[in-house]
Amino acid sequence: MTKTWRDVGSLYQIYPRSFQDTNRDGVGDLKGITSRIGYLSWLGVESVWISPFFTSPMTDFGYDVSNYREIDPSFGSMADFDELIAEAHSYDIKIMIDLVPCHTSDQHAWFAESRSSRDNPKRDYYVWRDPAEDGGAPNNWRSLAAGRSWTYDEQTGQYYLHSFLPTQPDLNWDNPEVREQMKDVVRFWYDRGVDGLRVDAIWGISKDPELSDDPINPDYHEDLEQYGSYVHNRCKYGPNFDNYLSELASVNQEYEDRYMVFEFYPDEQLGDIYDQYSRVRKISSDTSAFYMEYRHDRWHASDTLWSMKAYLDGESSSIPFFCIGNHDQPRIASRLGYEKARALSFQNLMTPGISVVYYGDEIGMENGDLSESQIQDTFSPSNTKFDSRDLERTPMQWDDSQFAGFSDNSPWLPVHKNKEWANVMAQSSHDNSLLSMHRRLLHLRSQLPVLRFGSFEPLDVCSGYVLAFKRELDGARAYVVVNYADSPQRISLPEQARVVASTSRLVSFEQKTTGIDLGAHEALLLMV
């Protein structure tokens, strides 16, 4: 029986350039993903999110789309994509792809027309404005990629808006034609069998119609050229934010069992972040937003537990998506260290809804050790290797061969030296490996409805260093405990329960107990 999104318990993110190369050019491709669907099924993955593979000049590695309806040749062909969909569906694995709706590449045909003249029919597909009185940019908005959000176009004598790189002009969602075009893009991919969309960078979908200056941030004391020097309440989250997202999501209703999950980072300057999460998760019954608070690396049991509950309490009808990493965040093993990363991965796979795994995190991949000359991603404002997103995008490590089984030739980014032990082949044969832990927990998520649908109740287990919560559904009860301390902790459960899975214990305990000694950074799943 085919699963619906409500039955899915896991989502595995693939960065296609770095997953598997089959044509020996050092760049991952769609055929490579297809060849590894069997691995994903073995692992217990129930849905896959693939980062952009559309035609693109790659100034932002696919997030600068020049044609929404074509496959970039570096990734293969439309026939390759159709084969991938068919293979995934044969394993009952859903496919989610990235939609980049708020900007295009400057090489997109729409933008070529838009910039050709002020009276071109597609001029209003993008945001154009006259210079300010001093000849400068129309307002003080800053780009997330550093510098002003405006670039002057000599040919037409106006500035165009870009919230990211100058090669990524913002689409004008206030133009109903743009909204219809983007809905047609969604229909195109849904018609090809895509099951869902991860919707990129939604905060800029609506802006202040007056294009007013962003206020200066009173808590920031750097120069006014910095992004953080401003409160960004004009350049994003405009008056039509909810309406435009709802309109985009309405396409889901034209199909059976389609889902959208929004990339959304709440802003503390704009109010309670959990109210913001709730606002986005309430857009419709078939949309949600990733929980991304793990990115702050606050290693504190009670604060983390409270944060998880606040996200869940804000909205009850949409599916929760708990995520500890992605293509824009440093690797969890590099951020926290291997043992903490293992504990947090265990915790993340015990949360309600859909748990997200970034490719390679299941084997403990770390940030790449790249030299300045090897860096290709120059999006970062600092433009240094320490801030480059290439570090978390290095090739998947399948074995300990020269190029880790990713390719027969030198890959686009160098393979990490830890491939000797952080690889699928080595870890698949060890019951206590990180990969084996992920596999056990992913299969348990699939087998035990209480782990996907059960209630979420924080617990006091007599240690402030231990994060603990109860999951309950139809008489089944599960307890999850995670020791955030680097020393052993003694805890007490409210009833006797049996250990079912652990970060460090190989054999389940047959005897039920209420008192448990947890090792440093150990996590357990117990069932009544």
Protein backbone atom coordinates (compact mmCIF):
# COMPACT_ATOMS: atom_id res chain seq x y z
CA MET A 1 0.00 0.00 0.00
CA THR A 2 1.36 3.41 -0.98
CA LYS A 3 2.08 5.65 1.99
CA THR A 4 0.50 9.08 2.24
CA TRP A 5 2.53 12.00 3.56
CA ARG A 6 0.74 11.53 6.88
CA ASP A 7 2.25 8.03 7.11
CA VAL A 8 5.80 9.06 6.19
CA GLY A 9 8.24 9.27 9.10
CA SER A 10 11.51 10.35 7.49
CA LEU A 11 12.93 12.65 4.82
CA TYR A 12 16.48 12.25 3.48
CA GLN A 13 18.04 15.31 1.83
CA ILE A 14 20.30 14.75 -1.17
CA TYR A 15 22.57 17.46 -2.55
CA PRO A 16 22.78 16.02 -6.08
CA ARG A 17 26.23 17.36 -7.02
CA SER A 18 27.69 15.37 -4.14
CA PHE A 19 25.71 12.14 -3.83
CA GLN A 20 26.79 9.81 -6.67
CA ASP A 21 28.55 10.41 -9.99
CA THR A 22 27.84 7.89 -12.78
CA ASN A 23 29.24 9.61 -15.89
CA ARG A 24 32.77 10.08 -14.50
CA ASP A 25 32.79 13.90 -14.65
CA GLY A 26 33.24 14.31 -10.88
CA VAL A 27 29.75 15.78 -10.39
CA GLY A 28 26.84 13.82 -8.96
CA ASP A 29 23.87 13.21 -11.21
CA LEU A 30 20.29 11.94 -11.29
CA LYS A 31 21.33 8.47 -12.44
CA GLY A 32 23.54 8.36 -9.38
CA ILE A 33 20.58 8.98 -7.10
CA THR A 34 18.59 6.29 -8.90
CA SER A 35 21.44 3.82 -8.40
CA ARG A 36 21.30 4.40 -4.63
CA ILE A 37 17.53 4.11 -4.08
CA GLY A 38 18.11 0.55 -2.86
CA TYR A 39 20.47 1.87 -0.17
CA LEU A 40 17.89 4.42 0.95
CA SER A 41 15.24 1.71 1.22
CA TRP A 42 17.65 -0.51 3.19
CA LEU A 43 18.34 2.42 5.50
CA GLY A 44 14.63 2.90 6.15
CA VAL A 45 14.13 6.21 4.35
CA GLU A 46 10.54 6.91 3.30
CA SER A 47 10.94 10.15 1.33
CA VAL A 48 13.77 12.02 -0.37
CA TRP A 49 14.30 15.75 -0.88
CA ILE A 50 16.57 16.59 -3.82
CA SER A 51 18.18 20.03 -3.97
CA PRO A 52 17.84 21.93 -7.30
CA PHE A 53 18.83 20.24 -10.55
CA PHE A 54 17.21 22.73 -12.95
CA THR A 55 19.08 24.51 -15.73
CA SER A 56 21.33 27.08 -14.08
CA PRO A 57 24.58 29.03 -14.58
CA MET A 58 25.44 27.78 -11.07
CA THR A 59 26.44 31.08 -9.49
CA ASP A 60 24.51 29.76 -6.49
CA PHE A 61 24.82 26.08 -7.46
CA GLY A 62 21.29 25.60 -8.72
CA TYR A 63 19.43 28.09 -6.56
CA ASP A 64 19.77 30.51 -9.49
CA VAL A 65 17.33 28.91 -11.92
CA SER A 66 17.41 29.84 -15.59
CA ASN A 67 14.68 27.39 -16.63
CA TYR A 68 12.27 25.80 -14.17
CA ARG A 69 11.16 23.13 -16.63
CA GLU A 70 14.52 21.75 -17.76
CA ILE A 71 17.20 19.54 -16.20
CA ASP A 72 20.70 21.01 -16.16
CA PRO A 73 22.89 18.82 -18.41
CA SER A 74 25.38 18.37 -15.57
CA PHE A 75 22.72 16.30 -13.77
CA GLY A 76 21.32 14.40 -16.76
CA SER A 77 18.08 14.50 -18.71
CA MET A 78 14.34 14.53 -18.14
CA ALA A 79 14.34 10.82 -18.99
CA ASP A 80 16.82 10.30 -16.15
CA PHE A 81 14.48 12.14 -13.79
CA ASP A 82 11.48 10.08 -14.88
CA GLU A 83 13.52 6.93 -14.23
CA LEU A 84 14.43 8.20 -10.76
CA ILE A 85 10.77 8.86 -9.92
CA ALA A 86 9.75 5.40 -11.12
CA GLU A 87 12.52 3.68 -9.16
CA ALA A 88 11.77 5.57 -5.94
CA HIS A 89 8.05 4.88 -6.21
CA SER A 90 8.74 1.18 -6.77
CA TYR A 91 10.23 1.20 -3.25
CA ASP A 92 7.34 3.34 -1.92
CA ILE A 93 9.73 6.27 -1.43
CA LYS A 94 8.30 9.73 -2.08
CA ILE A 95 10.26 12.36 -4.01
CA MET A 96 10.32 16.00 -2.92
CA ILE A 97 12.19 18.57 -5.01
CA ASP A 98 13.25 22.16 -4.39
CA LEU A 99 11.16 25.05 -5.67
CA VAL A 100 12.91 28.43 -5.82
CA PRO A 101 9.94 30.79 -6.23
CA CYS A 102 11.16 34.20 -5.07
CA HIS A 103 14.03 34.80 -7.48
CA THR A 104 15.48 33.48 -10.73
CA SER A 105 18.86 33.59 -12.41
CA ASP A 106 19.68 36.74 -14.35
CA GLN A 107 20.02 34.32 -17.27
CA HIS A 108 16.33 33.37 -17.14
CA ALA A 109 14.39 34.33 -20.28
CA TRP A 110 11.96 36.33 -18.14
CA PHE A 111 14.74 38.55 -16.83
CA ALA A 112 16.31 38.95 -20.28
CA GLU A 113 12.98 40.37 -21.47
CA SER A 114 12.42 42.36 -18.29
CA ARG A 115 15.72 44.23 -18.54
CA SER A 116 15.48 44.80 -22.30
CA SER A 117 13.30 47.92 -21.94
CA ARG A 118 11.05 49.71 -19.47
CA ASP A 119 7.95 48.96 -21.54
CA ASN A 120 8.59 45.25 -22.07
CA PRO A 121 5.55 43.13 -21.06
CA LYS A 122 7.72 41.26 -18.54
CA ARG A 123 9.25 44.37 -17.00
CA ASP A 124 6.97 43.96 -13.98
CA TYR A 125 8.01 40.33 -13.45
CA TYR A 126 10.87 41.77 -11.36
CA VAL A 127 11.25 44.73 -9.00
CA TRP A 128 12.64 47.81 -10.76
CA ARG A 129 12.95 51.31 -9.31
CA ASP A 130 14.46 54.66 -10.22
CA PRO A 131 17.59 55.77 -8.38
CA ALA A 132 17.25 57.81 -5.20
CA GLU A 133 17.68 61.57 -5.41
CA ASP A 134 21.43 61.21 -4.93
CA GLY A 135 21.59 58.65 -7.73
CA GLY A 136 22.11 55.76 -5.33
CA ALA A 137 20.03 52.71 -4.47
CA PRO A 138 16.28 53.21 -3.89
CA ASN A 139 16.50 52.22 -0.21
CA ASN A 140 18.86 50.77 2.42
CA TRP A 141 17.95 47.08 2.02
CA ARG A 142 20.90 44.72 2.35
CA SER A 143 21.57 41.46 0.56
CA LEU A 144 22.13 38.22 2.46
CA ALA A 145 25.12 37.74 0.15
CA ALA A 146 26.63 41.08 1.31
CA GLY A 147 26.25 44.59 -0.06
CA ARG A 148 23.17 46.40 -1.24
CA SER A 149 20.09 44.54 -2.47
CA TRP A 150 20.09 46.71 -5.59
CA THR A 151 22.09 46.64 -8.82
CA TYR A 152 21.99 49.44 -11.37
CA ASP A 153 21.18 48.54 -14.96
CA GLU A 154 22.82 50.93 -17.40
CA GLN A 155 20.57 50.03 -20.32
CA THR A 156 17.30 51.09 -18.72
CA GLY A 157 18.58 53.49 -16.05
CA GLN A 158 16.92 51.73 -13.10
CA TYR A 159 17.92 49.48 -10.24
CA TYR A 160 16.68 45.89 -9.87
CA LEU A 161 16.19 44.20 -6.50
CA HIS A 162 18.03 41.05 -5.41
CA SER A 163 17.79 39.68 -1.87
CA PHE A 164 20.76 37.41 -2.59
CA LEU A 165 23.45 37.61 -5.30
CA PRO A 166 23.16 40.20 -8.10
CA THR A 167 22.77 37.19 -10.40
CA GLN A 168 19.53 36.30 -8.55
CA PRO A 169 16.98 39.06 -9.25
CA ASP A 170 13.85 38.96 -7.08
CA LEU A 171 10.58 38.07 -8.76
CA ASN A 172 7.72 40.50 -8.21
CA TRP A 173 5.04 38.43 -6.52
CA ASP A 174 2.73 41.44 -6.45
CA ASN A 175 2.28 40.75 -10.17
CA PRO A 176 -0.51 38.14 -10.56
CA GLU A 177 1.13 36.87 -13.77
CA VAL A 178 4.21 35.87 -11.79
CA ARG A 179 2.07 33.99 -9.29
CA GLU A 180 0.32 32.09 -12.09
CA GLN A 181 3.62 31.28 -13.76
CA MET A 182 4.98 29.80 -10.54
CA LYS A 183 1.85 27.76 -9.93
CA ASP A 184 2.23 26.37 -13.45
CA VAL A 185 5.80 25.35 -12.57
CA VAL A 186 4.43 23.42 -9.59
CA ARG A 187 1.86 21.72 -11.83
CA PHE A 188 4.56 20.78 -14.34
CA TRP A 189 6.52 18.81 -11.74
CA TYR A 190 3.48 17.37 -10.00
CA ASP A 191 2.33 16.08 -13.40
CA ARG A 192 5.68 14.28 -13.72
CA GLY A 193 5.06 12.42 -10.49
CA VAL A 194 6.81 14.63 -7.92
CA ASP A 195 5.18 14.11 -4.51
CA GLY A 196 6.09 17.34 -2.76
CA LEU A 197 8.12 20.52 -2.70
CA ARG A 198 10.61 22.06 -0.34
CA VAL A 199 9.98 25.78 -0.99
CA ASP A 200 13.12 27.89 -0.79
CA ALA A 201 13.60 31.27 0.93
CA ILE A 202 9.95 32.20 1.39
CA TRP A 203 10.53 35.28 3.56
CA GLY A 204 10.93 37.50 0.49
CA ILE A 205 7.72 36.46 -1.23
CA SER A 206 6.05 39.67 -0.02
CA LYS A 207 7.69 43.01 0.75
CA ASP A 208 6.66 46.47 1.87
CA PRO A 209 4.85 47.87 -1.20
CA GLU A 210 6.32 51.31 -0.46
CA LEU A 211 9.87 49.85 -0.35
CA SER A 212 10.52 51.79 2.86
CA ASP A 213 13.93 51.68 4.53
CA ASP A 214 14.56 48.92 7.04
CA PRO A 215 14.97 50.42 10.54
CA ILE A 216 18.44 50.48 12.07
CA ASN A 217 18.98 47.72 14.63
CA PRO A 218 19.56 49.44 18.01
CA ASP A 219 21.41 46.39 19.35
CA TYR A 220 23.97 46.20 16.55
CA HIS A 221 27.03 48.39 16.77
CA GLU A 222 28.87 47.59 13.57
CA ASP A 223 28.96 49.76 10.46
CA LEU A 224 25.75 50.22 8.48
CA GLU A 225 27.06 48.19 5.56
CA GLN A 226 26.40 44.98 7.51
CA TYR A 227 23.20 42.94 7.14
CA GLY A 228 22.83 42.71 10.90
CA SER A 229 22.77 46.49 11.26
CA TYR A 230 19.07 46.53 10.34
CA VAL A 231 15.73 45.17 11.52
CA HIS A 232 14.44 43.46 8.39
CA ASN A 233 10.73 44.18 8.66
CA ARG A 234 10.30 45.94 5.31
CA CYS A 235 12.33 43.78 2.92
CA LYS A 236 10.47 40.60 3.92
CA TYR A 237 7.24 39.32 5.53
CA GLY A 238 5.16 41.95 3.74
CA PRO A 239 1.36 42.37 3.95
CA ASN A 240 0.67 39.58 1.44
CA PHE A 241 3.08 37.02 2.90
CA ASP A 242 0.37 34.60 4.06
CA ASN A 243 -1.83 35.17 1.00
CA TYR A 244 0.91 34.44 -1.52
CA LEU A 245 2.04 31.29 0.27
CA SER A 246 -1.56 30.13 0.51
CA GLU A 247 -2.08 30.78 -3.19
CA LEU A 248 1.03 28.77 -4.08
CA ALA A 249 -0.03 25.94 -1.77
CA SER A 250 -3.50 25.83 -3.32
CA VAL A 251 -2.02 23.81 -6.20
CA ASN A 252 -1.68 20.89 -3.75
CA GLN A 253 -5.47 20.62 -3.70
CA GLU A 254 -5.55 19.96 -7.45
CA TYR A 255 -3.69 16.68 -6.88
CA GLU A 256 -3.85 13.72 -4.55
CA ASP A 257 -1.50 13.67 -1.56
CA ARG A 258 0.91 16.51 -2.37
CA TYR A 259 2.80 18.44 0.32
CA MET A 260 4.96 21.56 0.66
CA VAL A 261 7.44 22.30 3.42
CA PHE A 262 8.80 25.84 3.64
CA GLU A 263 12.36 26.92 4.29
CA PHE A 264 11.74 29.41 7.08
CA TYR A 265 14.06 30.95 9.64
CA PRO A 266 12.10 32.98 12.22
CA ASP A 267 13.61 36.31 13.20
CA GLU A 268 13.81 37.19 16.91
CA GLN A 269 13.74 40.90 16.02
CA LEU A 270 10.24 40.45 14.63
CA GLY A 271 8.61 38.88 17.68
CA ASP A 272 8.17 35.46 19.25
CA ILE A 273 9.81 32.92 16.93
CA TYR A 274 7.31 30.17 17.76
CA ASP A 275 4.41 32.45 16.84
CA GLN A 276 6.21 32.89 13.52
CA TYR A 277 6.60 29.13 13.07
CA SER A 278 2.92 28.70 13.86
CA ARG A 279 1.96 31.38 11.36
CA VAL A 280 3.77 29.58 8.55
CA ARG A 281 2.56 26.12 9.54
CA LYS A 282 -1.02 27.40 9.48
CA ILE A 283 -0.85 28.42 5.80
CA SER A 284 -2.79 25.29 4.83
CA SER A 285 -3.37 21.70 5.94
CA ASP A 286 -0.83 20.39 3.42
CA THR A 287 2.10 22.68 4.24
CA SER A 288 4.61 22.95 7.05
CA ALA A 289 7.93 24.54 8.05
CA PHE A 290 11.20 22.93 9.13
CA TYR A 291 12.14 23.19 12.79
CA MET A 292 15.64 24.67 12.47
CA GLU A 293 16.50 25.72 16.02
CA TYR A 294 19.18 23.03 16.38
CA ARG A 295 21.38 25.22 14.16
CA HIS A 296 22.07 27.48 17.16
CA ASP A 297 23.94 24.63 18.90
CA ARG A 298 22.55 25.47 22.33
CA TRP A 299 23.55 22.31 24.17
CA HIS A 300 21.12 22.62 27.07
CA ALA A 301 18.58 19.91 27.90
CA SER A 302 15.68 21.94 29.33
CA ASP A 303 16.01 24.81 26.83
CA THR A 304 16.02 22.38 23.92
CA LEU A 305 13.03 20.46 25.25
CA TRP A 306 11.07 23.67 25.76
CA SER A 307 11.93 24.78 22.21
CA MET A 308 10.74 21.51 20.70
CA LYS A 309 7.46 21.69 22.58
CA ALA A 310 6.90 25.34 21.63
CA TYR A 311 7.28 24.46 17.95
CA LEU A 312 4.85 21.54 18.28
CA ASP A 313 2.30 23.46 20.35
CA GLY A 314 2.02 26.30 17.86
CA GLU A 315 0.04 24.35 15.27
CA SER A 316 -1.51 20.91 15.43
CA SER A 317 -2.76 20.05 11.92
CA SER A 318 0.43 20.33 9.83
CA ILE A 319 3.15 17.68 9.88
CA PRO A 320 6.17 18.65 12.03
CA PHE A 321 9.54 18.50 10.24
CA PHE A 322 12.50 18.28 12.64
CA CYS A 323 15.82 19.00 10.97
CA ILE A 324 19.37 19.08 12.43
CA GLY A 325 21.29 20.01 9.28
CA ASN A 326 21.14 20.81 5.58
CA HIS A 327 23.20 22.12 2.66
CA ASP A 328 23.45 25.59 4.24
CA GLN A 329 24.50 24.57 7.77
CA PRO A 330 27.86 23.24 8.99
CA ARG A 331 27.86 19.48 9.55
CA ILE A 332 26.42 18.44 12.90
CA ALA A 333 29.48 16.31 13.72
CA SER A 334 31.76 19.32 13.20
CA ARG A 335 29.50 21.65 15.16
CA LEU A 336 29.02 19.48 18.23
CA GLY A 337 31.53 16.65 18.07
CA TYR A 338 30.80 13.02 17.25
CA GLU A 339 29.20 11.90 20.54
CA LYS A 340 26.86 14.87 20.86
CA ALA A 341 25.96 14.56 17.19
CA ARG A 342 25.09 10.91 17.75
CA ALA A 343 22.85 11.79 20.70
CA LEU A 344 21.12 14.61 18.81
CA SER A 345 20.56 12.38 15.77
CA PHE A 346 18.93 9.80 18.05
CA GLN A 347 16.74 12.50 19.60
CA ASN A 348 15.76 13.87 16.19
CA LEU A 349 14.64 10.44 15.02
CA MET A 350 12.32 10.14 18.03
CA THR A 351 10.30 13.32 17.41
CA PRO A 352 6.74 13.51 16.03
CA GLY A 353 6.05 13.85 12.32
CA ILE A 354 8.89 13.64 9.81
CA SER A 355 12.54 13.49 10.89
CA VAL A 356 15.00 14.92 8.36
CA VAL A 357 18.46 13.44 7.71
CA TYR A 358 21.03 15.31 5.60
CA TYR A 359 23.03 12.95 3.38
CA GLY A 360 26.17 11.71 5.12
CA ASP A 361 25.05 12.65 8.62
CA GLU A 362 24.07 9.01 9.08
CA ILE A 363 27.78 8.07 8.87
CA GLY A 364 29.18 11.07 10.76
CA MET A 365 30.52 13.06 7.82
CA GLU A 366 32.29 16.24 8.92
CA ASN A 367 32.91 19.60 7.31
CA GLY A 368 35.33 19.31 4.42
CA ASP A 369 38.96 20.25 5.01
CA LEU A 370 39.34 22.53 1.98
CA SER A 371 42.03 24.98 0.99
CA GLU A 372 41.21 28.47 -0.27
CA SER A 373 41.94 27.35 -3.84
CA GLN A 374 39.44 24.47 -3.57
CA ILE A 375 36.52 26.67 -2.48
CA GLN A 376 33.90 27.16 -5.19
CA ASP A 377 30.96 28.61 -3.26
CA THR A 378 31.49 32.37 -2.90
CA PHE A 379 27.98 33.28 -1.74
CA SER A 380 29.04 34.02 1.83
CA PRO A 381 29.37 37.67 2.87
CA SER A 382 32.82 37.05 4.34
CA ASN A 383 33.93 35.26 1.16
CA THR A 384 36.32 33.07 3.14
CA LYS A 385 36.68 29.31 3.32
CA PHE A 386 35.53 29.33 6.93
CA ASP A 387 32.14 30.64 5.85
CA SER A 388 31.79 28.68 2.61
CA ARG A 389 28.93 26.23 2.31
CA ASP A 390 31.22 23.92 0.34
CA LEU A 391 32.39 22.58 3.69
CA GLU A 392 29.07 20.76 4.27
CA ARG A 393 28.66 19.74 0.62
CA THR A 394 31.60 17.39 0.05
CA PRO A 395 31.03 14.05 -1.73
CA MET A 396 29.13 11.22 -0.07
CA GLN A 397 31.46 8.61 1.38
CA TRP A 398 30.39 5.15 0.24
CA ASP A 399 33.68 3.32 0.87
CA ASP A 400 37.34 3.97 1.69
CA SER A 401 38.61 4.03 -1.91
CA GLN A 402 40.42 7.04 -3.36
CA PHE A 403 37.24 8.98 -4.14
CA ALA A 404 35.08 7.21 -1.54
CA GLY A 405 32.97 5.40 -4.14
CA PHE A 406 31.42 8.70 -5.19
CA SER A 407 33.19 8.82 -8.56
CA ASP A 408 35.89 7.10 -10.60
CA ASN A 409 37.50 10.48 -11.21
CA SER A 410 38.52 13.48 -9.13
CA PRO A 411 35.30 14.99 -7.72
CA TRP A 412 34.21 18.63 -7.86
CA LEU A 413 35.11 18.96 -4.16
CA PRO A 414 37.72 16.82 -2.41
CA VAL A 415 36.60 13.86 -0.31
CA HIS A 416 37.12 14.20 3.44
CA LYS A 417 40.09 12.31 4.88
CA ASN A 418 37.81 10.59 7.43
CA LYS A 419 36.45 8.38 4.62
CA GLU A 420 38.65 5.63 6.11
CA TRP A 421 36.01 5.03 8.79
CA ALA A 422 33.11 7.38 7.97
CA ASN A 423 31.76 5.42 5.03
CA VAL A 424 28.73 3.27 4.31
CA MET A 425 30.58 0.05 3.57
CA ALA A 426 32.57 0.06 6.80
CA GLN A 427 29.70 1.07 9.06
CA SER A 428 27.09 -1.24 7.54
CA SER A 429 28.94 -4.24 8.95
CA HIS A 430 29.13 -2.95 12.53
CA ASP A 431 26.04 -3.14 14.76
CA ASN A 432 27.18 -0.25 16.94
CA SER A 433 28.02 2.17 14.12
CA LEU A 434 26.22 5.46 13.62
CA LEU A 435 24.81 4.11 10.36
CA SER A 436 23.41 1.04 12.10
CA MET A 437 21.84 3.26 14.76
CA HIS A 438 20.14 5.34 12.06
CA ARG A 439 18.90 2.19 10.33
CA ARG A 440 17.42 0.73 13.54
CA LEU A 441 15.66 3.98 14.41
CA LEU A 442 14.38 4.68 10.91
CA HIS A 443 12.84 1.21 10.72
CA LEU A 444 11.37 1.62 14.20
CA ARG A 445 9.75 4.89 13.06
CA SER A 446 8.15 3.00 10.21
CA GLN A 447 7.01 0.10 12.40
CA LEU A 448 5.76 1.98 15.49
CA PRO A 449 2.96 4.50 14.89
CA VAL A 450 3.56 5.98 18.37
CA LEU A 451 6.89 7.41 17.13
CA ARG A 452 5.25 9.22 14.22
CA PHE A 453 1.83 10.15 15.57
CA GLY A 454 2.07 9.89 19.35
CA SER A 455 1.67 12.81 21.74
CA PHE A 456 4.72 14.68 22.97
CA GLU A 457 4.93 15.25 26.73
CA PRO A 458 8.08 16.62 28.45
CA LEU A 459 9.18 14.64 31.50
CA ASP A 460 11.05 15.35 34.70
CA VAL A 461 13.35 12.36 35.27
CA CYS A 462 15.20 13.77 38.31
CA SER A 463 18.16 15.13 36.37
CA GLY A 464 18.29 18.58 34.80
CA TYR A 465 20.99 17.36 32.44
CA VAL A 466 18.69 14.82 30.78
CA LEU A 467 16.18 15.74 28.09
CA ALA A 468 13.21 13.40 28.39
CA PHE A 469 9.78 13.12 26.82
CA LYS A 470 6.92 10.63 26.58
CA ARG A 471 5.20 9.57 23.36
CA GLU A 472 1.74 7.99 23.66
CA LEU A 473 -0.80 6.67 21.16
CA ASP A 474 -3.70 4.21 21.54
CA GLY A 475 -2.31 2.69 24.72
CA ALA A 476 1.26 2.41 23.45
CA ARG A 477 3.78 4.43 25.46
CA ALA A 478 7.39 5.25 24.62
CA TYR A 479 9.97 7.17 26.65
CA VAL A 480 12.94 8.98 25.11
CA VAL A 481 15.82 10.10 27.33
CA VAL A 482 18.96 11.91 26.17
CA ASN A 483 21.85 12.69 28.49
CA TYR A 484 23.21 16.14 27.63
CA ALA A 485 25.97 15.84 30.23
CA ASP A 486 29.50 14.59 29.65
CA SER A 487 29.18 12.48 32.82
CA PRO A 488 26.84 9.61 33.82
CA GLN A 489 23.37 10.49 35.13
CA ARG A 490 20.90 8.48 37.20
CA ILE A 491 17.27 8.96 36.12
CA SER A 492 13.87 7.70 37.22
CA LEU A 493 10.91 6.99 34.90
CA PRO A 494 7.28 7.24 36.06
CA GLU A 495 6.69 3.55 35.23
CA GLN A 496 8.61 0.44 34.31
CA ALA A 497 9.80 0.30 30.71
CA ARG A 498 12.14 -1.79 28.55
CA VAL A 499 15.08 -0.44 26.53
CA VAL A 500 14.35 -0.85 22.82
CA ALA A 501 17.14 1.22 21.23
CA SER A 502 20.25 3.06 22.38
CA THR A 503 23.11 5.16 21.11
CA SER A 504 25.61 2.82 22.72
CA ARG A 505 24.02 -0.43 23.96
CA LEU A 506 23.91 -3.26 21.44
CA VAL A 507 21.37 -5.55 23.11
CA SER A 508 17.89 -4.54 24.26
CA PHE A 509 17.19 -5.15 27.93
CA GLU A 510 14.40 -7.68 28.42
CA GLN A 511 13.84 -6.61 32.03
CA LYS A 512 11.68 -3.57 32.64
CA THR A 513 12.89 -0.94 35.07
CA THR A 514 12.20 2.58 36.31
CA GLY A 515 15.71 3.51 37.43
CA ILE A 516 18.36 3.86 34.74
CA ASP A 517 22.02 4.84 34.69
CA LEU A 518 22.78 6.81 31.53
CA GLY A 519 26.30 7.12 30.21
CA ALA A 520 27.71 10.44 29.03
CA HIS A 521 25.74 11.66 25.98
CA GLU A 522 23.78 8.40 25.90
CA ALA A 523 20.24 8.31 24.56
CA LEU A 524 17.63 5.58 24.98
CA LEU A 525 14.23 4.65 23.62
CA LEU A 526 12.14 2.66 26.12
CA MET A 527 8.74 1.05 25.62
CA VAL A 528 6.25 0.08 28.28
